[in-house]
Every structure is written in C-alpha cells, then in structure tokens.
Amino acid sequence: MSDRVLSRIGIIGAMEEEVSGLKESMAEVRTEIRAGMTFYEGKLAGKDAVVVCSGIGKVNAAACAQILADRWQVDAIMNTGIAGSLREEVGIGDIVLSVDAVQHDFDCVGFGYPLGVIPRMDTSVFRADPELLDLAEECCRAVNPETGVFRGRVASGDVFVSSAEKKAEILKIFDGWCCEMEGASIAQVAHINRIPWLIIRAISDRADGTAAETYDKFQDEAIKHFLRLTLAMVKRL
C-alpha cells in the first residue's frame, strides 16, 4: 500500500452469515439503524470500521453503500461475501478479487445499448481500487495459502445463477470470473461518490445445475476464507 491513510472503512455483506464473524471481532461497538439495516461502528483489527448486513440484491446493497458514504463518510468500501464460479479453474472455496464489476442484468438493448450498459453514465464497467486489490491478493496468499486466489471481473445481477445456460451466457458476454447479487451496485455507488472499493468473493458453488446443493454444503467454509482475508487486510490498512 501507499502512504494513503484510511480513517474509516465500510464493510458490507449481504447476509448475516457473511458479517457475523466480523462483528464478533469488533471492539467499542455502537449500533445505529438506518433504512432497516443495523450498522455496527467500532474498532476492527484496531481500525475504525463500520460493518453492516445490507440484505440480498442490488437495491439493498446500493442503499447501504450510499448510507455509508453519507452518514459515515467512509474512505473505502469493501464488499465481502460468497459467489458462484464462472470458470473451471476457479474452484469452490477459492477467492475472486474484483478487477472491475458489471451488472449482467442491466438491459436497455431495446434502445440499442449492449447488455450491461447503463445509459448516460460515464462508464458501466466499474474499476476496483488497485491498491486495495494488490493488498488483498498479498494478504490472501498469506492467510489462505492453500486457497486459490484470482483477479477478475465480478458480474452482478438480481438473479441466483443456477443453470449452465445462464452461466455460459454471462461468461461469454461479460468475461466474468464469478457471479453474485450485490457487488456491482456497491461499485457503482462508490464510483459516483469517488470512494475506493473492492469486492472479495469466496466461491460457494459453480453457478450451474448443482448450485443450490453445493451452496448449502460449502458456504460456511467459503465464509471462513474471506473472513480471514478481510481481517488481515484491515490490519494492514
């Protein structure tokens, strides 16, 4: 990392299971409820942080990110959670770190725009902070040495991808590495607020016909992987 100092970090998980370990690791905790979400403000690994469960889906996640920007004026946003793999080389339990993020379900094709393009915005491909990305990879290799770690595009949409056909479509059109339901909306909010951000996703399923079965079986192990990584990163920020 550079000499940039982050005074307060916002960490968003979509589900309670994805943030419970972080909340348990916090000290000097104060809570505040906004838009039905409970924000936990305190010390995490000795750093000022706000941890919150946003709820599932892009609207919940975007609302949560904007509250972090407005109320807490966070210097960085990290989105941690689980996701489905879009590539054979990315196995269950592995980690995908966002190079950038897109919304695979944003559809203005009827107006002549390619799928995923958001009209009248400066970009539809939101790029993660390179310093956070470098630090995440370094920390992941240190604390999860037996886990694969990949840099790549995160494809988000309000759909749980559980068919080989949908998986193949997202991979072909967007060249994604994993798919989930929140990250790109958080990235968009961070982009328009000029806040550095990163998505950290541990793979719980292969986003195909086996997705529902393997998700339930492997989500706890996947959560352990990104929890270790997130805590190691926060210590270094």
Protein backbone atom coordinates (compact mmCIF):
# COMPACT_ATOMS: atom_id res chain seq x y z
CA MET A 1 0.00 0.00 0.00
CA SER A 2 0.97 3.62 -0.44
CA ASP A 3 1.08 6.24 2.31
CA ARG A 4 -2.64 6.84 1.89
CA VAL A 5 -4.35 6.67 5.29
CA LEU A 6 -7.89 5.38 5.59
CA SER A 7 -9.64 6.80 8.64
CA ARG A 8 -12.82 4.71 8.40
CA ILE A 9 -13.59 1.56 6.41
CA GLY A 10 -17.05 0.37 5.44
CA ILE A 11 -17.61 -3.38 5.05
CA ILE A 12 -20.82 -4.72 3.52
CA GLY A 13 -22.07 -8.30 3.47
CA ALA A 14 -25.43 -9.28 2.02
CA MET A 15 -26.30 -11.93 4.61
CA GLU A 16 -25.89 -12.15 8.34
CA GLU A 17 -23.65 -15.20 7.94
CA GLU A 18 -21.25 -13.06 5.90
CA VAL A 19 -20.76 -10.39 8.56
CA SER A 20 -21.27 -12.19 11.88
CA GLY A 21 -17.59 -13.13 12.20
CA LEU A 22 -16.54 -9.53 11.55
CA LYS A 23 -18.99 -8.19 14.12
CA GLU A 24 -17.72 -10.66 16.70
CA SER A 25 -14.19 -9.36 16.08
CA MET A 26 -15.12 -5.72 16.71
CA ALA A 27 -14.49 -3.67 19.87
CA GLU A 28 -16.04 -0.46 21.18
CA VAL A 29 -19.16 -1.21 19.18
CA ARG A 30 -22.02 1.23 18.72
CA THR A 31 -25.06 0.40 16.61
CA GLU A 32 -27.33 2.58 14.53
CA ILE A 33 -30.31 1.53 12.43
CA ARG A 34 -30.87 3.20 9.08
CA ALA A 35 -33.25 2.04 6.35
CA GLY A 36 -33.87 -1.12 8.35
CA MET A 37 -30.17 -2.03 8.41
CA THR A 38 -28.11 -2.21 11.59
CA PHE A 39 -24.73 -0.53 11.19
CA TYR A 40 -22.02 -1.65 13.63
CA GLU A 41 -19.46 1.08 14.18
CA GLY A 42 -16.33 0.39 16.19
CA LYS A 43 -12.78 -0.91 16.05
CA LEU A 44 -11.89 -3.81 13.79
CA ALA A 45 -8.30 -5.02 13.97
CA GLY A 46 -7.56 -1.70 15.65
CA LYS A 47 -9.04 0.38 12.81
CA ASP A 48 -12.21 2.46 12.68
CA ALA A 49 -14.79 0.47 10.74
CA VAL A 50 -18.49 0.18 10.05
CA VAL A 51 -19.80 -3.33 9.36
CA VAL A 52 -23.31 -3.90 8.03
CA CYS A 53 -25.57 -6.59 6.61
CA SER A 54 -27.29 -4.96 3.64
CA GLY A 55 -29.74 -7.67 2.67
CA ILE A 56 -29.72 -9.54 -0.62
CA GLY A 57 -29.86 -7.86 -4.01
CA LYS A 58 -28.64 -4.77 -5.81
CA VAL A 59 -31.13 -2.26 -4.39
CA ASN A 60 -30.41 -3.22 -0.77
CA ALA A 61 -26.67 -3.12 -1.42
CA ALA A 62 -26.75 0.24 -3.20
CA ALA A 63 -28.84 1.85 -0.45
CA CYS A 64 -26.42 0.51 2.13
CA ALA A 65 -23.37 1.85 0.31
CA GLN A 66 -24.89 5.31 -0.02
CA ILE A 67 -25.65 5.41 3.72
CA LEU A 68 -22.01 4.53 4.43
CA ALA A 69 -20.97 7.41 2.17
CA ASP A 70 -23.38 9.97 3.61
CA ARG A 71 -23.61 9.11 7.29
CA TRP A 72 -20.14 7.73 7.99
CA GLN A 73 -18.15 9.28 5.13
CA VAL A 74 -16.09 6.12 4.78
CA ASP A 75 -12.75 6.29 2.98
CA ALA A 76 -13.11 2.84 1.41
CA ILE A 77 -15.83 0.23 0.92
CA MET A 78 -15.19 -3.50 0.92
CA ASN A 79 -17.90 -5.93 -0.11
CA THR A 80 -17.30 -9.41 1.23
CA GLY A 81 -19.35 -12.50 0.59
CA ILE A 82 -19.81 -15.66 -1.40
CA ALA A 83 -20.38 -16.14 -5.11
CA GLY A 84 -20.73 -18.65 -7.92
CA SER A 85 -17.75 -19.52 -10.10
CA LEU A 86 -17.97 -18.80 -13.82
CA ARG A 87 -14.73 -20.57 -14.77
CA GLU A 88 -13.47 -24.10 -14.44
CA GLU A 89 -10.19 -23.01 -12.87
CA VAL A 90 -11.99 -21.21 -10.02
CA GLY A 91 -12.98 -23.91 -7.57
CA ILE A 92 -15.23 -24.00 -4.55
CA GLY A 93 -13.55 -22.25 -1.62
CA ASP A 94 -11.29 -20.17 -3.87
CA ILE A 95 -11.23 -16.37 -3.70
CA VAL A 96 -12.03 -13.93 -6.51
CA LEU A 97 -10.86 -10.33 -6.10
CA SER A 98 -12.55 -7.75 -8.30
CA VAL A 99 -10.55 -6.05 -11.01
CA ASP A 100 -13.84 -4.47 -12.02
CA ALA A 101 -17.57 -5.12 -11.78
CA VAL A 102 -20.54 -5.07 -14.16
CA GLN A 103 -24.28 -5.58 -13.92
CA HIS A 104 -25.09 -8.51 -16.18
CA ASP A 105 -28.85 -7.96 -15.91
CA PHE A 106 -28.94 -4.27 -16.88
CA ASP A 107 -30.90 -4.40 -20.11
CA CYS A 108 -31.50 -1.41 -22.39
CA VAL A 109 -30.99 -3.49 -25.52
CA GLY A 110 -34.30 -2.19 -26.86
CA PHE A 111 -32.75 1.27 -27.09
CA GLY A 112 -29.70 0.00 -28.93
CA TYR A 113 -27.33 -0.40 -25.99
CA PRO A 114 -25.35 -3.59 -25.41
CA LEU A 115 -26.46 -5.71 -22.48
CA GLY A 116 -24.95 -4.40 -19.26
CA VAL A 117 -24.51 -0.82 -20.46
CA ILE A 118 -26.08 1.87 -18.27
CA PRO A 119 -27.21 4.74 -20.50
CA ARG A 120 -25.96 8.26 -19.80
CA MET A 121 -23.27 7.23 -17.34
CA ASP A 122 -19.57 7.77 -17.91
CA THR A 123 -18.97 4.03 -17.57
CA SER A 124 -20.77 0.76 -16.96
CA VAL A 125 -17.59 -1.07 -16.01
CA PHE A 126 -16.61 -0.01 -12.51
CA ARG A 127 -12.93 -0.45 -11.69
CA ALA A 128 -11.75 -1.51 -8.25
CA ASP A 129 -9.06 0.35 -6.36
CA PRO A 130 -5.69 -1.09 -7.48
CA GLU A 131 -4.02 -0.62 -4.09
CA LEU A 132 -6.79 -2.48 -2.27
CA LEU A 133 -6.59 -5.18 -4.93
CA ASP A 134 -2.85 -5.64 -4.51
CA LEU A 135 -3.14 -5.74 -0.74
CA ALA A 136 -5.97 -8.26 -0.86
CA GLU A 137 -4.01 -10.65 -3.03
CA GLU A 138 -0.94 -10.37 -0.81
CA CYS A 139 -2.97 -10.97 2.35
CA CYS A 140 -4.93 -13.84 0.83
CA ARG A 141 -1.79 -15.73 -0.12
CA ALA A 142 -0.52 -15.25 3.44
CA VAL A 143 -3.63 -16.28 5.40
CA ASN A 144 -5.21 -18.74 2.93
CA PRO A 145 -2.11 -20.42 1.48
CA GLU A 146 -3.98 -23.50 0.25
CA THR A 147 -6.74 -21.46 -1.40
CA GLY A 148 -6.68 -20.32 -4.99
CA VAL A 149 -6.86 -16.55 -5.42
CA PHE A 150 -7.86 -14.95 -8.72
CA ARG A 151 -8.21 -11.42 -10.03
CA GLY A 152 -11.14 -10.91 -12.34
CA ARG A 153 -14.43 -9.33 -13.22
CA VAL A 154 -17.39 -9.71 -10.87
CA ALA A 155 -20.75 -9.94 -12.64
CA SER A 156 -23.74 -8.93 -10.53
CA GLY A 157 -27.47 -9.30 -11.10
CA ASP A 158 -30.71 -9.80 -9.26
CA VAL A 159 -30.74 -13.49 -10.02
CA PHE A 160 -29.23 -16.56 -8.35
CA VAL A 161 -27.45 -18.17 -11.29
CA SER A 162 -28.16 -21.89 -11.19
CA SER A 163 -28.21 -23.07 -14.79
CA ALA A 164 -25.39 -23.95 -17.13
CA GLU A 165 -27.06 -21.89 -19.89
CA LYS A 166 -27.18 -18.68 -17.84
CA LYS A 167 -23.65 -19.23 -16.60
CA ALA A 168 -22.37 -19.67 -20.15
CA GLU A 169 -24.19 -16.52 -21.28
CA ILE A 170 -22.65 -14.36 -18.54
CA LEU A 171 -19.20 -15.74 -19.22
CA LYS A 172 -19.49 -15.20 -22.98
CA ILE A 173 -20.91 -11.67 -22.86
CA PHE A 174 -19.12 -10.25 -19.83
CA ASP A 175 -15.98 -12.39 -19.44
CA GLY A 176 -16.69 -12.65 -15.72
CA TRP A 177 -14.92 -14.74 -13.11
CA CYS A 178 -17.74 -15.03 -10.61
CA CYS A 179 -21.38 -14.02 -10.32
CA GLU A 180 -23.35 -12.73 -7.36
CA MET A 181 -26.14 -10.29 -6.49
CA GLU A 182 -24.69 -7.12 -4.94
CA GLY A 183 -21.12 -6.17 -5.79
CA ALA A 184 -21.53 -4.09 -8.96
CA SER A 185 -24.25 -1.93 -7.41
CA ILE A 186 -21.94 -1.16 -4.49
CA ALA A 187 -19.19 -0.44 -7.00
CA GLN A 188 -21.46 1.97 -8.89
CA VAL A 189 -22.33 3.89 -5.71
CA ALA A 190 -18.66 4.00 -4.72
CA HIS A 191 -17.77 5.25 -8.21
CA ILE A 192 -20.21 8.16 -8.19
CA ASN A 193 -19.07 9.09 -4.66
CA ARG A 194 -15.36 8.73 -5.56
CA ILE A 195 -14.75 6.17 -2.82
CA PRO A 196 -12.12 3.43 -3.29
CA TRP A 197 -13.69 -0.03 -3.24
CA LEU A 198 -13.04 -3.74 -3.60
CA ILE A 199 -15.19 -6.86 -3.84
CA ILE A 200 -13.92 -10.02 -2.13
CA ARG A 201 -15.82 -13.18 -3.02
CA ALA A 202 -15.28 -16.74 -1.85
CA ILE A 203 -16.72 -19.38 -4.15
CA SER A 204 -19.58 -21.44 -2.71
CA ASP A 205 -20.92 -23.03 -5.90
CA ARG A 206 -20.35 -23.38 -9.64
CA ALA A 207 -23.40 -21.36 -10.75
CA ASP A 208 -24.85 -24.32 -12.64
CA GLY A 209 -27.42 -27.05 -12.03
CA THR A 210 -25.62 -28.08 -8.83
CA ALA A 211 -25.54 -24.55 -7.40
CA ALA A 212 -28.29 -24.83 -4.79
CA GLU A 213 -26.91 -28.11 -3.43
CA THR A 214 -23.26 -27.07 -3.24
CA TYR A 215 -24.11 -23.59 -1.92
CA ASP A 216 -25.67 -25.06 1.20
CA LYS A 217 -22.84 -27.53 1.62
CA PHE A 218 -19.86 -25.24 1.15
CA GLN A 219 -20.95 -21.73 2.17
CA ASP A 220 -19.56 -22.00 5.73
CA GLU A 221 -16.10 -23.00 4.50
CA ALA A 222 -16.12 -20.24 1.89
CA ILE A 223 -17.06 -17.67 4.54
CA LYS A 224 -14.08 -18.71 6.69
CA HIS A 225 -11.75 -17.96 3.79
CA PHE A 226 -12.91 -14.40 3.12
CA LEU A 227 -13.21 -13.66 6.86
CA ARG A 228 -9.52 -14.43 7.38
CA LEU A 229 -8.63 -12.34 4.36
CA THR A 230 -10.76 -9.36 5.35
CA LEU A 231 -9.34 -9.20 8.88
CA ALA A 232 -5.79 -9.47 7.55
CA MET A 233 -6.44 -6.62 5.12
CA VAL A 234 -7.96 -4.32 7.72
CA LYS A 235 -4.88 -4.78 9.92
CA ARG A 236 -2.72 -3.51 7.05
CA LEU A 237 -4.85 -0.52 6.04
